[in-house]
Amino acid sequence: MAGIDTRVRVRRRLGLPVKAPKGWREGAPDFVGVGAQRSGTSWWFRQLTGHPDVVAPWGKERHYFDRFWRREFTAADAAGYRRLFPRPDGALTGEWTPRYMYDPWTPRLLSASAPDAKVLVILRDPWERFLSGMAHETRVLGRELGRTNGDYLRLMIRGDALQRSRYAEQLERIVGRFDRGRVLVLQYERCVREPEAELERTFRFLGLDAPRSGAIERRPDAARPRAHELPAALAEQMRASLAEDAEALARAVPEIDLELWPSCR
């Protein structure tokens, strides 16, 4: 099915509106990535959509369920979600919104909207993810830091980044709503170290044959964020707390290898 969505991908790259080609069917996504932020999810999603039998005309992240903290979720909302995923016969489609694992209300709504979807998770060393998330949100909210109570906003950023790195409870909510066999947990560090093998494992989980050829986009080495503006004693306390959570995660998810996470050794 190579080339089935070439025009769709080109228009998306150019920022042009995309309309599903005639004959494509709508339905619940075949797969949904749910986490974690700053763990290589955009990189891995690009590898998935590089498969000739995977289409994602609307891009990576839908953030469809974010708003339901303030109003009830209805059957019409579930149907609206399913309409977001057109694809031709024989193709798979899905999205990857890292926030879905983090917000406690989303797993229930996602399972109601797409009960048969396969769920993808990539987790990164929790301390490294915390530092990267903190730096990312500080950049995103940089202008607001100068306009408002900057110290309070920085406190909120740090608290949010810390909680996003506590994976155990987040993943428990996912497997509480989806059969464990329908959830694939990857580690970012292993994907970087063994991209071919981990991508083949991901395709196999989705029921796809790995393409015979096709270069894998190598993850560039990223500059390590610094634990700036954190007193040394506090940083060590936070790091130890995340390591404890990671140990709980590894007990529940045997495929997690803590040796891949230096902060947890």
Protein backbone atom coordinates (compact mmCIF):
# COMPACT_ATOMS: atom_id res chain seq x y z
CA MET A 1 0.00 0.00 0.00
CA ALA A 2 2.98 2.25 -0.52
CA GLY A 3 2.14 5.78 -1.49
CA ILE A 4 -1.52 5.66 -0.49
CA ASP A 5 -1.28 8.93 1.41
CA THR A 6 1.57 10.74 -0.32
CA ARG A 7 -0.57 13.75 -1.20
CA VAL A 8 -1.97 13.89 2.30
CA ARG A 9 1.53 13.93 3.83
CA VAL A 10 2.76 16.61 1.43
CA ARG A 11 -0.20 18.90 2.17
CA ARG A 12 0.29 18.40 5.89
CA ARG A 13 3.97 19.31 5.68
CA LEU A 14 3.03 22.47 3.79
CA GLY A 15 0.45 23.43 6.41
CA LEU A 16 -2.42 23.05 3.94
CA PRO A 17 -5.87 21.75 4.94
CA VAL A 18 -6.28 18.02 4.56
CA LYS A 19 -9.44 16.29 3.42
CA ALA A 20 -9.74 12.54 3.54
CA PRO A 21 -9.68 11.08 0.02
CA LYS A 22 -12.91 9.66 -1.33
CA GLY A 23 -13.52 6.10 -0.28
CA TRP A 24 -11.63 6.27 3.02
CA ARG A 25 -13.60 4.95 5.98
CA GLU A 26 -13.88 6.44 9.44
CA GLY A 27 -13.65 4.55 12.69
CA ALA A 28 -11.91 4.27 16.04
CA PRO A 29 -8.11 4.47 15.82
CA ASP A 30 -6.19 1.23 15.53
CA PHE A 31 -3.51 2.52 17.91
CA VAL A 32 -3.10 5.39 20.35
CA GLY A 33 0.14 6.55 21.90
CA VAL A 34 -0.49 7.93 25.39
CA GLY A 35 2.88 8.93 26.81
CA ALA A 36 5.22 10.10 27.95
CA GLN A 37 6.03 13.71 27.18
CA ARG A 38 9.69 14.44 26.27
CA SER A 39 10.37 10.74 25.68
CA GLY A 40 10.89 10.63 21.93
CA THR A 41 7.24 10.19 21.02
CA SER A 42 7.38 12.50 17.98
CA TRP A 43 10.45 10.67 16.71
CA TRP A 44 8.81 7.24 17.16
CA PHE A 45 5.53 8.36 15.62
CA ARG A 46 7.42 9.45 12.49
CA GLN A 47 8.89 5.96 12.26
CA LEU A 48 5.42 4.43 12.54
CA THR A 49 3.88 6.63 9.89
CA GLY A 50 6.80 5.82 7.62
CA HIS A 51 5.35 2.33 7.27
CA PRO A 52 3.50 1.96 3.94
CA ASP A 53 0.41 0.56 5.68
CA VAL A 54 0.06 3.32 8.31
CA VAL A 55 -1.64 6.66 7.66
CA ALA A 56 -2.12 9.65 9.95
CA PRO A 57 -3.56 12.47 7.80
CA TRP A 58 -4.29 14.78 10.73
CA GLY A 59 -0.84 14.52 12.27
CA LYS A 60 0.43 13.20 15.57
CA GLU A 61 -1.50 14.75 18.48
CA ARG A 62 -5.25 15.27 18.80
CA HIS A 63 -5.53 16.26 22.51
CA TYR A 64 -9.19 15.34 22.14
CA PHE A 65 -9.81 14.44 25.78
CA ASP A 66 -8.01 17.36 27.43
CA ARG A 67 -11.16 19.46 27.75
CA PHE A 68 -13.29 16.93 29.63
CA TRP A 69 -12.09 18.03 33.04
CA ARG A 70 -14.73 20.76 32.80
CA ARG A 71 -17.74 19.02 31.29
CA GLU A 72 -19.33 15.61 30.98
CA PHE A 73 -18.24 13.22 28.27
CA THR A 74 -21.14 11.94 26.13
CA ALA A 75 -21.74 9.25 23.54
CA ALA A 76 -21.68 12.00 20.94
CA ASP A 77 -18.18 12.96 22.11
CA ALA A 78 -17.02 9.34 21.74
CA ALA A 79 -18.47 9.22 18.23
CA GLY A 80 -16.77 12.53 17.43
CA TYR A 81 -13.42 11.04 18.37
CA ARG A 82 -13.94 8.07 16.09
CA ARG A 83 -14.64 10.38 13.15
CA LEU A 84 -11.12 11.79 13.38
CA PHE A 85 -9.48 8.69 11.93
CA PRO A 86 -10.18 8.11 8.23
CA ARG A 87 -8.10 5.55 6.37
CA PRO A 88 -8.28 3.38 3.27
CA ASP A 89 -9.14 -0.29 3.52
CA GLY A 90 -6.20 -2.31 4.75
CA ALA A 91 -4.41 0.58 6.44
CA LEU A 92 -3.94 1.36 10.11
CA THR A 93 -4.24 4.79 11.65
CA GLY A 94 -3.87 6.40 15.05
CA GLU A 95 -2.43 9.27 17.05
CA TRP A 96 0.02 9.91 19.86
CA THR A 97 -0.90 12.49 22.51
CA PRO A 98 1.55 12.25 25.44
CA ARG A 99 -0.90 13.89 27.82
CA TYR A 100 -3.39 11.02 27.65
CA MET A 101 -1.45 8.96 30.20
CA TYR A 102 -1.04 11.90 32.55
CA ASP A 103 -4.58 13.22 32.96
CA PRO A 104 -6.46 10.82 35.26
CA TRP A 105 -9.81 11.13 33.45
CA THR A 106 -8.51 10.29 29.97
CA PRO A 107 -7.92 6.48 30.13
CA ARG A 108 -11.62 5.89 30.93
CA LEU A 109 -12.76 8.15 28.08
CA LEU A 110 -10.26 6.70 25.64
CA SER A 111 -11.32 3.13 26.42
CA ALA A 112 -14.97 4.11 25.94
CA SER A 113 -14.18 5.69 22.57
CA ALA A 114 -11.68 3.15 21.23
CA PRO A 115 -11.94 -0.04 23.30
CA ASP A 116 -10.10 -2.18 20.75
CA ALA A 117 -7.22 0.21 20.13
CA LYS A 118 -3.68 -0.88 20.88
CA VAL A 119 -1.91 1.45 23.28
CA LEU A 120 1.70 2.60 22.94
CA VAL A 121 3.85 4.03 25.71
CA ILE A 122 7.47 5.22 25.64
CA LEU A 123 9.11 5.99 28.97
CA ARG A 124 12.39 7.78 29.55
CA ASP A 125 14.69 7.92 32.57
CA PRO A 126 12.33 9.77 34.93
CA TRP A 127 14.94 12.27 36.11
CA GLU A 128 16.07 13.06 32.58
CA ARG A 129 12.44 13.40 31.52
CA PHE A 130 11.80 15.75 34.44
CA LEU A 131 14.71 17.99 33.47
CA SER A 132 13.70 18.00 29.82
CA GLY A 133 10.04 18.66 30.64
CA MET A 134 10.94 21.49 32.97
CA ALA A 135 13.17 23.12 30.35
CA HIS A 136 10.56 22.64 27.63
CA GLU A 137 7.71 24.22 29.57
CA THR A 138 9.95 27.09 30.65
CA ARG A 139 10.71 27.81 26.99
CA VAL A 140 7.05 27.52 25.98
CA LEU A 141 5.90 29.85 28.76
CA GLY A 142 8.90 32.15 28.55
CA ARG A 143 6.92 35.30 27.76
CA GLU A 144 4.37 34.59 30.47
CA LEU A 145 7.15 34.26 33.04
CA GLY A 146 7.92 37.93 32.53
CA ARG A 147 4.31 39.09 32.54
CA THR A 148 2.88 37.32 35.56
CA ASN A 149 4.05 36.07 38.93
CA GLY A 150 7.09 34.31 37.46
CA ASP A 151 8.10 32.51 40.65
CA TYR A 152 4.67 30.97 41.07
CA LEU A 153 4.55 29.89 37.42
CA ARG A 154 8.00 28.33 37.73
CA LEU A 155 6.78 26.42 40.79
CA MET A 156 3.82 25.11 38.78
CA ILE A 157 6.12 24.07 35.93
CA ARG A 158 8.37 22.13 38.28
CA GLY A 159 5.47 20.44 40.03
CA ASP A 160 3.89 19.42 36.72
CA ALA A 161 7.20 18.13 35.33
CA LEU A 162 7.82 16.07 38.47
CA GLN A 163 4.39 14.43 38.40
CA ARG A 164 4.70 13.55 34.71
CA SER A 165 7.80 11.52 35.60
CA ARG A 166 5.93 9.42 38.16
CA TYR A 167 5.02 6.64 35.77
CA ALA A 168 3.74 3.87 38.03
CA GLU A 169 0.29 5.30 38.81
CA GLN A 170 -0.15 6.64 35.30
CA LEU A 171 0.49 3.26 33.73
CA GLU A 172 -1.72 1.57 36.31
CA ARG A 173 -4.62 3.70 35.06
CA ILE A 174 -3.93 2.60 31.49
CA VAL A 175 -3.77 -1.14 32.18
CA GLY A 176 -6.85 -0.77 34.37
CA ARG A 177 -8.79 0.21 31.24
CA PHE A 178 -7.06 -1.81 28.54
CA ASP A 179 -6.12 -5.46 28.47
CA ARG A 180 -2.42 -5.75 29.29
CA GLY A 181 -1.80 -7.57 26.03
CA ARG A 182 -2.98 -4.48 24.17
CA VAL A 183 -0.42 -2.18 25.83
CA LEU A 184 3.18 -1.98 24.57
CA VAL A 185 5.65 -0.31 26.94
CA LEU A 186 8.90 0.85 25.33
CA GLN A 187 11.92 2.49 26.89
CA TYR A 188 13.31 5.51 25.10
CA GLU A 189 16.90 4.54 25.83
CA ARG A 190 16.49 1.10 24.26
CA CYS A 191 14.80 2.62 21.21
CA VAL A 192 17.82 4.88 20.77
CA ARG A 193 20.29 2.04 21.30
CA GLU A 194 18.46 -0.62 19.24
CA PRO A 195 16.09 1.27 16.92
CA GLU A 196 15.70 -1.46 14.30
CA ALA A 197 14.81 -4.17 16.81
CA GLU A 198 12.45 -1.96 18.83
CA LEU A 199 10.71 -0.65 15.73
CA GLU A 200 10.25 -4.19 14.46
CA ARG A 201 8.78 -5.09 17.87
CA THR A 202 6.42 -2.12 17.62
CA PHE A 203 5.26 -3.09 14.14
CA ARG A 204 4.77 -6.69 15.25
CA PHE A 205 2.64 -5.48 18.18
CA LEU A 206 0.48 -3.56 15.71
CA GLY A 207 0.13 -6.61 13.47
CA LEU A 208 2.36 -5.20 10.73
CA ASP A 209 5.28 -6.72 8.89
CA ALA A 210 8.45 -4.66 9.13
CA PRO A 211 9.27 -3.10 5.75
CA ARG A 212 12.07 -4.86 3.89
CA SER A 213 13.90 -1.60 3.45
CA GLY A 214 13.72 1.93 4.77
CA ALA A 215 16.13 3.96 6.79
CA ILE A 216 15.30 4.61 10.42
CA GLU A 217 15.66 8.20 11.44
CA ARG A 218 18.40 8.27 14.03
CA ARG A 219 17.63 10.17 17.19
CA PRO A 220 20.10 13.06 17.43
CA ASP A 221 22.05 13.48 20.63
CA ALA A 222 20.30 16.13 22.69
CA ALA A 223 21.98 18.49 25.09
CA ARG A 224 21.28 17.37 28.64
CA PRO A 225 19.13 19.92 30.49
CA ARG A 226 20.53 21.18 33.75
CA ALA A 227 18.73 21.02 37.06
CA HIS A 228 18.85 24.80 37.14
CA GLU A 229 17.31 26.75 39.99
CA LEU A 230 17.07 23.63 42.15
CA PRO A 231 19.02 23.52 45.42
CA ALA A 232 21.28 20.48 45.47
CA ALA A 233 19.57 18.86 48.47
CA LEU A 234 16.13 19.31 46.92
CA ALA A 235 17.30 17.94 43.57
CA GLU A 236 18.66 14.84 45.28
CA GLN A 237 15.42 14.37 47.20
CA MET A 238 13.35 14.66 44.02
CA ARG A 239 15.62 12.30 42.15
CA ALA A 240 15.38 9.70 44.91
CA SER A 241 11.59 10.02 44.93
CA LEU A 242 11.43 9.37 41.19
CA ALA A 243 13.74 6.38 41.56
CA GLU A 244 11.37 4.87 44.15
CA ASP A 245 8.45 5.31 41.77
CA ALA A 246 10.48 3.68 38.98
CA GLU A 247 11.16 0.68 41.20
CA ALA A 248 7.41 0.29 41.76
CA LEU A 249 6.90 0.54 38.01
CA ALA A 250 9.51 -2.15 37.32
CA ARG A 251 7.76 -4.52 39.75
CA ALA A 252 4.50 -4.08 37.84
CA VAL A 253 6.03 -4.03 34.34
CA PRO A 254 8.78 -6.66 34.10
CA GLU A 255 9.98 -5.44 30.69
CA ILE A 256 11.23 -2.21 32.28
CA ASP A 257 14.99 -2.42 32.73
CA LEU A 258 16.15 0.03 35.37
CA GLU A 259 19.75 -0.45 34.24
CA LEU A 260 18.81 1.69 31.21
CA TRP A 261 17.95 4.57 33.54
CA PRO A 262 21.12 5.89 35.23
CA SER A 263 19.16 7.89 37.79
CA CYS A 264 17.56 4.67 39.08
CA ARG A 265 20.61 2.46 39.40
